[in-house]
Amino acid sequence: MKRFITTLSVSALLAFASTSFGTSELIDATPESVAGSTTVDAAQAKSLFDNEAAFVDLRKENMWNSGRIPGAIWLDFKMAFSAEALAAEVGKEEKVVFYCSGVRCPRSSKAATKAVKWGYSQVYYFRDGFPAWKNANYPVE
């Protein structure tokens, strides 16, 4: 009986952790490219950053609060990302870079797909996302 209760407790804890920390939406791998956008690596993203492209962080609030690319716009993909919200921050002719938590996070590819459909002409998909940015020792706030 103790073993059953311990197993049940561990299972409940893992289920809570996966929903609380965002791992429940992680997938094996995101697409390598998004039609109508340009996929960029960390060095290319840094060049766009240096040239004042808009960066949109699509992660959950707890991840946003733990660190982000300086000056990034926060639009939680599930809670705040919409055509209207994006238009309030970025013009359709401006360079816009979408990122989230790396190659297993589908938010940036989904956002890039939507932005292209909404008529944005300079969409960049930073597939490797914030982990790659941080690992390259680029600025973080």
N, C-alpha and C. Protein backbone atom coordinates (compact mmCIF):
# COMPACT_ATOMS: atom_id res chain seq x y z
N MET A 1 0.82 -1.19 0.00
CA MET A 1 0.00 0.00 0.00
C MET A 1 0.87 1.26 0.00
N LYS A 2 1.97 1.24 0.82
CA LYS A 2 2.86 2.40 0.85
C LYS A 2 3.47 2.66 -0.52
N ARG A 3 3.85 1.59 -1.21
CA ARG A 3 4.44 1.73 -2.53
C ARG A 3 3.43 2.36 -3.49
N PHE A 4 2.17 1.96 -3.42
CA PHE A 4 1.12 2.52 -4.28
C PHE A 4 0.94 4.01 -4.01
N ILE A 5 0.89 4.39 -2.73
CA ILE A 5 0.72 5.80 -2.36
C ILE A 5 1.92 6.61 -2.81
N THR A 6 3.12 6.06 -2.63
CA THR A 6 4.33 6.77 -3.08
C THR A 6 4.31 6.95 -4.60
N THR A 7 3.96 5.89 -5.32
CA THR A 7 3.89 5.98 -6.78
C THR A 7 2.85 7.00 -7.21
N LEU A 8 1.70 6.99 -6.57
CA LEU A 8 0.64 7.93 -6.87
C LEU A 8 1.09 9.36 -6.59
N SER A 9 1.78 9.56 -5.47
CA SER A 9 2.27 10.89 -5.12
C SER A 9 3.29 11.41 -6.13
N VAL A 10 4.22 10.55 -6.52
CA VAL A 10 5.23 10.94 -7.52
C VAL A 10 4.56 11.27 -8.84
N SER A 11 3.59 10.49 -9.26
CA SER A 11 2.88 10.74 -10.51
C SER A 11 2.15 12.08 -10.46
N ALA A 12 1.51 12.36 -9.34
CA ALA A 12 0.80 13.63 -9.20
C ALA A 12 1.78 14.80 -9.24
N LEU A 13 2.92 14.65 -8.58
CA LEU A 13 3.93 15.70 -8.57
C LEU A 13 4.47 15.95 -9.98
N LEU A 14 4.74 14.90 -10.72
CA LEU A 14 5.23 15.06 -12.10
C LEU A 14 4.18 15.71 -12.98
N ALA A 15 2.93 15.35 -12.82
CA ALA A 15 1.86 15.97 -13.61
C ALA A 15 1.76 17.45 -13.29
N PHE A 16 1.85 17.81 -12.01
CA PHE A 16 1.81 19.21 -11.61
C PHE A 16 2.98 19.98 -12.20
N ALA A 17 4.17 19.40 -12.10
CA ALA A 17 5.37 20.07 -12.60
C ALA A 17 5.29 20.28 -14.10
N SER A 18 4.79 19.31 -14.84
CA SER A 18 4.74 19.46 -16.29
C SER A 18 3.77 20.55 -16.71
N THR A 19 2.67 20.74 -15.99
CA THR A 19 1.74 21.81 -16.35
C THR A 19 2.20 23.14 -15.80
N SER A 20 2.85 23.16 -14.66
CA SER A 20 3.28 24.40 -14.04
C SER A 20 4.47 25.02 -14.75
N PHE A 21 5.34 24.20 -15.29
CA PHE A 21 6.56 24.72 -15.89
C PHE A 21 6.57 24.67 -17.40
N GLY A 22 5.45 24.36 -18.01
CA GLY A 22 5.33 24.47 -19.45
C GLY A 22 5.82 23.29 -20.25
N THR A 23 6.24 22.22 -19.63
CA THR A 23 6.76 21.11 -20.39
C THR A 23 5.65 20.32 -21.08
N SER A 24 4.41 20.53 -20.67
CA SER A 24 3.32 19.76 -21.26
C SER A 24 3.12 20.09 -22.73
N GLU A 25 3.54 21.25 -23.16
CA GLU A 25 3.35 21.60 -24.56
C GLU A 25 4.58 21.34 -25.41
N LEU A 26 5.66 20.88 -24.81
CA LEU A 26 6.86 20.60 -25.58
C LEU A 26 6.62 19.41 -26.50
N ILE A 27 7.23 19.50 -27.67
CA ILE A 27 7.11 18.42 -28.65
C ILE A 27 8.52 17.91 -28.96
N ASP A 28 8.60 16.82 -29.71
CA ASP A 28 9.92 16.26 -30.02
C ASP A 28 10.79 17.24 -30.78
N ALA A 29 10.23 17.91 -31.76
CA ALA A 29 10.98 18.91 -32.52
C ALA A 29 10.01 19.79 -33.30
N THR A 30 10.35 21.04 -33.39
CA THR A 30 9.56 21.99 -34.17
C THR A 30 10.02 21.93 -35.63
N PRO A 31 9.23 22.51 -36.53
CA PRO A 31 9.68 22.51 -37.93
C PRO A 31 10.98 23.28 -38.08
N GLU A 32 11.80 22.85 -39.02
CA GLU A 32 13.06 23.55 -39.26
C GLU A 32 12.86 24.87 -39.97
N SER A 33 11.74 25.01 -40.65
CA SER A 33 11.44 26.26 -41.33
C SER A 33 9.93 26.50 -41.32
N VAL A 34 9.56 27.75 -41.58
CA VAL A 34 8.17 28.15 -41.68
C VAL A 34 8.01 28.87 -43.01
N ALA A 35 7.09 28.42 -43.83
CA ALA A 35 6.88 29.03 -45.15
C ALA A 35 6.62 30.53 -45.02
N GLY A 36 7.34 31.30 -45.82
CA GLY A 36 7.17 32.75 -45.83
C GLY A 36 8.03 33.49 -44.82
N SER A 37 8.77 32.73 -44.01
CA SER A 37 9.66 33.36 -43.02
C SER A 37 11.09 32.90 -43.26
N THR A 38 12.00 33.52 -42.55
CA THR A 38 13.41 33.14 -42.62
C THR A 38 13.82 32.55 -41.28
N THR A 39 14.32 31.33 -41.30
CA THR A 39 14.81 30.70 -40.07
C THR A 39 16.21 31.25 -39.78
N VAL A 40 16.42 31.65 -38.52
CA VAL A 40 17.72 32.21 -38.14
C VAL A 40 18.30 31.44 -36.95
N ASP A 41 19.63 31.41 -36.90
CA ASP A 41 20.32 30.83 -35.75
C ASP A 41 20.66 31.97 -34.79
N ALA A 42 21.36 31.66 -33.72
CA ALA A 42 21.66 32.67 -32.71
C ALA A 42 22.49 33.84 -33.26
N ALA A 43 23.48 33.55 -34.08
CA ALA A 43 24.32 34.63 -34.63
C ALA A 43 23.50 35.55 -35.55
N GLN A 44 22.63 34.96 -36.35
CA GLN A 44 21.78 35.77 -37.22
C GLN A 44 20.77 36.57 -36.40
N ALA A 45 20.24 35.96 -35.35
CA ALA A 45 19.32 36.67 -34.46
C ALA A 45 20.02 37.85 -33.81
N LYS A 46 21.27 37.66 -33.41
CA LYS A 46 22.04 38.75 -32.78
C LYS A 46 22.25 39.89 -33.77
N SER A 47 22.50 39.57 -35.02
CA SER A 47 22.65 40.60 -36.04
C SER A 47 21.35 41.39 -36.21
N LEU A 48 20.23 40.69 -36.22
CA LEU A 48 18.93 41.36 -36.30
C LEU A 48 18.71 42.23 -35.07
N PHE A 49 19.09 41.72 -33.90
CA PHE A 49 19.00 42.48 -32.65
C PHE A 49 19.82 43.77 -32.76
N ASP A 50 21.04 43.65 -33.25
CA ASP A 50 21.93 44.80 -33.39
C ASP A 50 21.37 45.83 -34.38
N ASN A 51 20.55 45.37 -35.30
CA ASN A 51 19.93 46.25 -36.29
C ASN A 51 18.50 46.62 -35.92
N GLU A 52 18.17 46.45 -34.64
CA GLU A 52 16.92 46.90 -34.04
C GLU A 52 15.65 46.26 -34.58
N ALA A 53 15.73 44.98 -34.94
CA ALA A 53 14.51 44.24 -35.29
C ALA A 53 13.69 44.06 -34.01
N ALA A 54 12.40 43.91 -34.16
CA ALA A 54 11.53 43.63 -33.01
C ALA A 54 11.64 42.15 -32.67
N PHE A 55 11.79 41.84 -31.39
CA PHE A 55 11.82 40.46 -30.92
C PHE A 55 10.56 40.21 -30.11
N VAL A 56 9.87 39.12 -30.44
CA VAL A 56 8.64 38.77 -29.72
C VAL A 56 8.88 37.46 -28.98
N ASP A 57 8.77 37.55 -27.66
CA ASP A 57 8.93 36.40 -26.76
C ASP A 57 7.55 35.81 -26.52
N LEU A 58 7.38 34.54 -26.85
CA LEU A 58 6.08 33.89 -26.78
C LEU A 58 5.95 32.94 -25.60
N ARG A 59 6.91 32.97 -24.69
CA ARG A 59 6.92 32.04 -23.56
C ARG A 59 5.93 32.46 -22.48
N LYS A 60 5.71 31.56 -21.55
CA LYS A 60 4.85 31.83 -20.40
C LYS A 60 5.48 32.87 -19.49
N GLU A 61 4.66 33.47 -18.65
CA GLU A 61 5.11 34.55 -17.77
C GLU A 61 6.27 34.15 -16.87
N ASN A 62 6.23 32.97 -16.28
CA ASN A 62 7.32 32.58 -15.39
C ASN A 62 8.65 32.48 -16.14
N MET A 63 8.61 32.08 -17.39
CA MET A 63 9.84 32.01 -18.18
C MET A 63 10.30 33.42 -18.58
N TRP A 64 9.35 34.26 -18.97
CA TRP A 64 9.65 35.66 -19.29
C TRP A 64 10.33 36.34 -18.10
N ASN A 65 9.78 36.12 -16.92
CA ASN A 65 10.32 36.75 -15.71
C ASN A 65 11.70 36.23 -15.34
N SER A 66 12.06 35.05 -15.80
CA SER A 66 13.36 34.48 -15.44
C SER A 66 14.48 34.95 -16.37
N GLY A 67 14.15 35.72 -17.39
CA GLY A 67 15.16 36.26 -18.30
C GLY A 67 14.65 36.29 -19.72
N ARG A 68 15.15 37.27 -20.49
CA ARG A 68 14.67 37.46 -21.86
C ARG A 68 15.70 38.27 -22.66
N ILE A 69 15.48 38.31 -23.94
CA ILE A 69 16.30 39.14 -24.82
C ILE A 69 15.92 40.61 -24.53
N PRO A 70 16.91 41.46 -24.30
CA PRO A 70 16.62 42.86 -23.95
C PRO A 70 15.71 43.54 -24.98
N GLY A 71 14.71 44.23 -24.47
CA GLY A 71 13.79 44.97 -25.32
C GLY A 71 12.73 44.12 -25.99
N ALA A 72 12.73 42.82 -25.71
CA ALA A 72 11.74 41.94 -26.35
C ALA A 72 10.32 42.33 -25.93
N ILE A 73 9.40 42.06 -26.82
CA ILE A 73 7.97 42.26 -26.57
C ILE A 73 7.43 40.93 -26.06
N TRP A 74 6.70 40.96 -24.97
CA TRP A 74 6.15 39.72 -24.43
C TRP A 74 4.69 39.57 -24.85
N LEU A 75 4.44 38.52 -25.63
CA LEU A 75 3.08 38.15 -26.02
C LEU A 75 2.95 36.64 -25.80
N ASP A 76 2.55 36.25 -24.61
CA ASP A 76 2.35 34.83 -24.32
C ASP A 76 1.47 34.25 -25.42
N PHE A 77 1.98 33.24 -26.11
CA PHE A 77 1.27 32.71 -27.28
C PHE A 77 -0.15 32.28 -26.97
N LYS A 78 -0.35 31.61 -25.87
CA LYS A 78 -1.68 31.09 -25.55
C LYS A 78 -2.60 32.14 -24.93
N MET A 79 -2.03 33.16 -24.28
CA MET A 79 -2.84 34.11 -23.54
C MET A 79 -2.98 35.48 -24.23
N ALA A 80 -2.02 35.88 -25.03
CA ALA A 80 -2.04 37.26 -25.52
C ALA A 80 -1.74 37.42 -27.01
N PHE A 81 -1.32 36.38 -27.69
CA PHE A 81 -0.91 36.53 -29.09
C PHE A 81 -2.13 36.55 -30.01
N SER A 82 -2.27 37.66 -30.73
CA SER A 82 -3.36 37.81 -31.70
C SER A 82 -2.91 38.81 -32.76
N ALA A 83 -3.65 38.89 -33.85
CA ALA A 83 -3.32 39.85 -34.90
C ALA A 83 -3.33 41.27 -34.35
N GLU A 84 -4.30 41.57 -33.51
CA GLU A 84 -4.42 42.91 -32.93
C GLU A 84 -3.26 43.22 -31.98
N ALA A 85 -2.91 42.25 -31.14
CA ALA A 85 -1.82 42.46 -30.18
C ALA A 85 -0.49 42.66 -30.90
N LEU A 86 -0.25 41.88 -31.94
CA LEU A 86 0.99 42.02 -32.70
C LEU A 86 1.02 43.36 -33.44
N ALA A 87 -0.10 43.73 -34.04
CA ALA A 87 -0.17 45.00 -34.78
C ALA A 87 0.05 46.21 -33.86
N ALA A 88 -0.33 46.09 -32.61
CA ALA A 88 -0.12 47.18 -31.66
C ALA A 88 1.35 47.38 -31.33
N GLU A 89 2.17 46.35 -31.60
CA GLU A 89 3.59 46.40 -31.26
C GLU A 89 4.52 46.51 -32.46
N VAL A 90 4.13 45.92 -33.59
CA VAL A 90 5.03 45.80 -34.75
C VAL A 90 4.26 46.09 -36.03
N GLY A 91 4.83 46.94 -36.89
CA GLY A 91 4.23 47.20 -38.20
C GLY A 91 4.46 46.04 -39.15
N LYS A 92 3.59 45.89 -40.11
CA LYS A 92 3.67 44.76 -41.04
C LYS A 92 4.91 44.77 -41.93
N GLU A 93 5.56 45.92 -42.06
CA GLU A 93 6.78 46.02 -42.87
C GLU A 93 8.05 45.95 -42.03
N GLU A 94 7.91 45.89 -40.72
CA GLU A 94 9.08 45.84 -39.83
C GLU A 94 9.62 44.41 -39.71
N LYS A 95 10.90 44.32 -39.41
CA LYS A 95 11.50 43.00 -39.15
C LYS A 95 11.03 42.54 -37.77
N VAL A 96 10.53 41.30 -37.72
CA VAL A 96 10.05 40.76 -36.45
C VAL A 96 10.58 39.34 -36.27
N VAL A 97 11.19 39.11 -35.11
CA VAL A 97 11.80 37.82 -34.78
C VAL A 97 10.96 37.16 -33.69
N PHE A 98 10.53 35.93 -33.93
CA PHE A 98 9.74 35.19 -32.95
C PHE A 98 10.62 34.13 -32.29
N TYR A 99 10.56 34.07 -30.96
CA TYR A 99 11.33 33.04 -30.24
C TYR A 99 10.56 32.54 -29.03
N CYS A 100 10.94 31.33 -28.62
CA CYS A 100 10.42 30.76 -27.37
C CYS A 100 11.54 29.96 -26.71
N SER A 101 11.25 28.76 -26.26
CA SER A 101 12.19 28.01 -25.42
C SER A 101 12.98 26.94 -26.15
N GLY A 102 13.27 27.12 -27.40
CA GLY A 102 14.11 26.18 -28.12
C GLY A 102 13.36 25.29 -29.09
N VAL A 103 14.07 24.31 -29.62
CA VAL A 103 13.57 23.49 -30.73
C VAL A 103 12.38 22.61 -30.35
N ARG A 104 12.12 22.44 -29.08
CA ARG A 104 10.96 21.63 -28.67
C ARG A 104 9.74 22.47 -28.35
N CYS A 105 9.85 23.79 -28.41
CA CYS A 105 8.74 24.68 -28.11
C CYS A 105 8.07 25.12 -29.42
N PRO A 106 6.81 24.77 -29.62
CA PRO A 106 6.14 25.08 -30.88
C PRO A 106 5.61 26.51 -31.01
N ARG A 107 5.70 27.29 -29.97
CA ARG A 107 5.09 28.62 -30.00
C ARG A 107 5.66 29.54 -31.08
N SER A 108 6.98 29.54 -31.25
CA SER A 108 7.57 30.47 -32.24
C SER A 108 7.23 30.08 -33.67
N SER A 109 7.20 28.80 -33.97
CA SER A 109 6.83 28.40 -35.34
C SER A 109 5.36 28.71 -35.61
N LYS A 110 4.50 28.51 -34.62
CA LYS A 110 3.07 28.83 -34.79
C LYS A 110 2.87 30.33 -34.96
N ALA A 111 3.59 31.13 -34.18
CA ALA A 111 3.47 32.58 -34.28
C ALA A 111 3.99 33.08 -35.63
N ALA A 112 5.12 32.54 -36.09
CA ALA A 112 5.67 32.95 -37.38
C ALA A 112 4.68 32.61 -38.50
N THR A 113 4.08 31.44 -38.42
CA THR A 113 3.09 31.02 -39.43
C THR A 113 1.92 32.01 -39.45
N LYS A 114 1.43 32.37 -38.29
CA LYS A 114 0.30 33.31 -38.21
C LYS A 114 0.70 34.69 -38.73
N ALA A 115 1.87 35.17 -38.36
CA ALA A 115 2.32 36.49 -38.80
C ALA A 115 2.40 36.56 -40.32
N VAL A 116 2.91 35.52 -40.94
CA VAL A 116 2.98 35.47 -42.40
C VAL A 116 1.55 35.55 -42.98
N LYS A 117 0.64 34.78 -42.41
CA LYS A 117 -0.76 34.80 -42.88
C LYS A 117 -1.41 36.17 -42.69
N TRP A 118 -1.01 36.88 -41.64
CA TRP A 118 -1.56 38.20 -41.36
C TRP A 118 -0.92 39.30 -42.20
N GLY A 119 0.03 38.94 -43.05
CA GLY A 119 0.61 39.91 -43.98
C GLY A 119 1.93 40.53 -43.57
N TYR A 120 2.58 40.01 -42.56
CA TYR A 120 3.90 40.53 -42.18
C TYR A 120 4.91 40.05 -43.21
N SER A 121 5.75 40.98 -43.65
CA SER A 121 6.63 40.66 -44.78
C SER A 121 8.07 40.33 -44.40
N GLN A 122 8.47 40.62 -43.17
CA GLN A 122 9.85 40.35 -42.74
C GLN A 122 9.83 39.55 -41.43
N VAL A 123 9.40 38.30 -41.56
CA VAL A 123 9.23 37.43 -40.40
C VAL A 123 10.46 36.54 -40.27
N TYR A 124 10.99 36.48 -39.04
CA TYR A 124 12.15 35.65 -38.74
C TYR A 124 11.78 34.66 -37.63
N TYR A 125 12.09 33.41 -37.88
CA TYR A 125 11.79 32.32 -36.96
C TYR A 125 13.09 31.88 -36.29
N PHE A 126 13.23 32.24 -35.03
CA PHE A 126 14.43 31.89 -34.25
C PHE A 126 14.12 30.57 -33.55
N ARG A 127 14.30 29.50 -34.28
CA ARG A 127 13.92 28.16 -33.84
C ARG A 127 14.62 27.74 -32.55
N ASP A 128 15.90 28.05 -32.42
CA ASP A 128 16.67 27.64 -31.25
C ASP A 128 16.32 28.46 -30.01
N GLY A 129 15.75 29.63 -30.22
CA GLY A 129 15.19 30.44 -29.16
C GLY A 129 16.12 30.90 -28.05
N PHE A 130 15.48 31.23 -26.93
CA PHE A 130 16.19 31.82 -25.81
C PHE A 130 17.35 30.98 -25.29
N PRO A 131 17.24 29.65 -25.21
CA PRO A 131 18.39 28.88 -24.73
C PRO A 131 19.65 29.09 -25.59
N ALA A 132 19.49 29.17 -26.90
CA ALA A 132 20.64 29.38 -27.78
C ALA A 132 21.21 30.79 -27.60
N TRP A 133 20.32 31.76 -27.43
CA TRP A 133 20.73 33.14 -27.20
C TRP A 133 21.58 33.22 -25.93
N LYS A 134 21.06 32.62 -24.87
CA LYS A 134 21.75 32.64 -23.58
C LYS A 134 23.08 31.88 -23.65
N ASN A 135 23.08 30.73 -24.31
CA ASN A 135 24.30 29.93 -24.44
C ASN A 135 25.38 30.63 -25.24
N ALA A 136 24.99 31.56 -26.11
CA ALA A 136 25.96 32.33 -26.89
C ALA A 136 26.49 33.52 -26.10
N ASN A 137 26.03 33.65 -24.86
CA ASN A 137 26.43 34.76 -23.98
C ASN A 137 26.05 36.13 -24.53
N TYR A 138 24.92 36.18 -25.23
CA TYR A 138 24.38 37.45 -25.69
C TYR A 138 23.65 38.10 -24.52
N PRO A 139 23.39 39.41 -24.62
CA PRO A 139 22.78 40.11 -23.48
C PRO A 139 21.40 39.55 -23.13
N VAL A 140 21.15 39.54 -21.83
CA VAL A 140 19.89 39.06 -21.26
C VAL A 140 19.45 40.05 -20.21
N GLU A 141 18.15 40.27 -20.12
CA GLU A 141 17.64 41.10 -19.01
C GLU A 141 16.64 40.31 -18.21
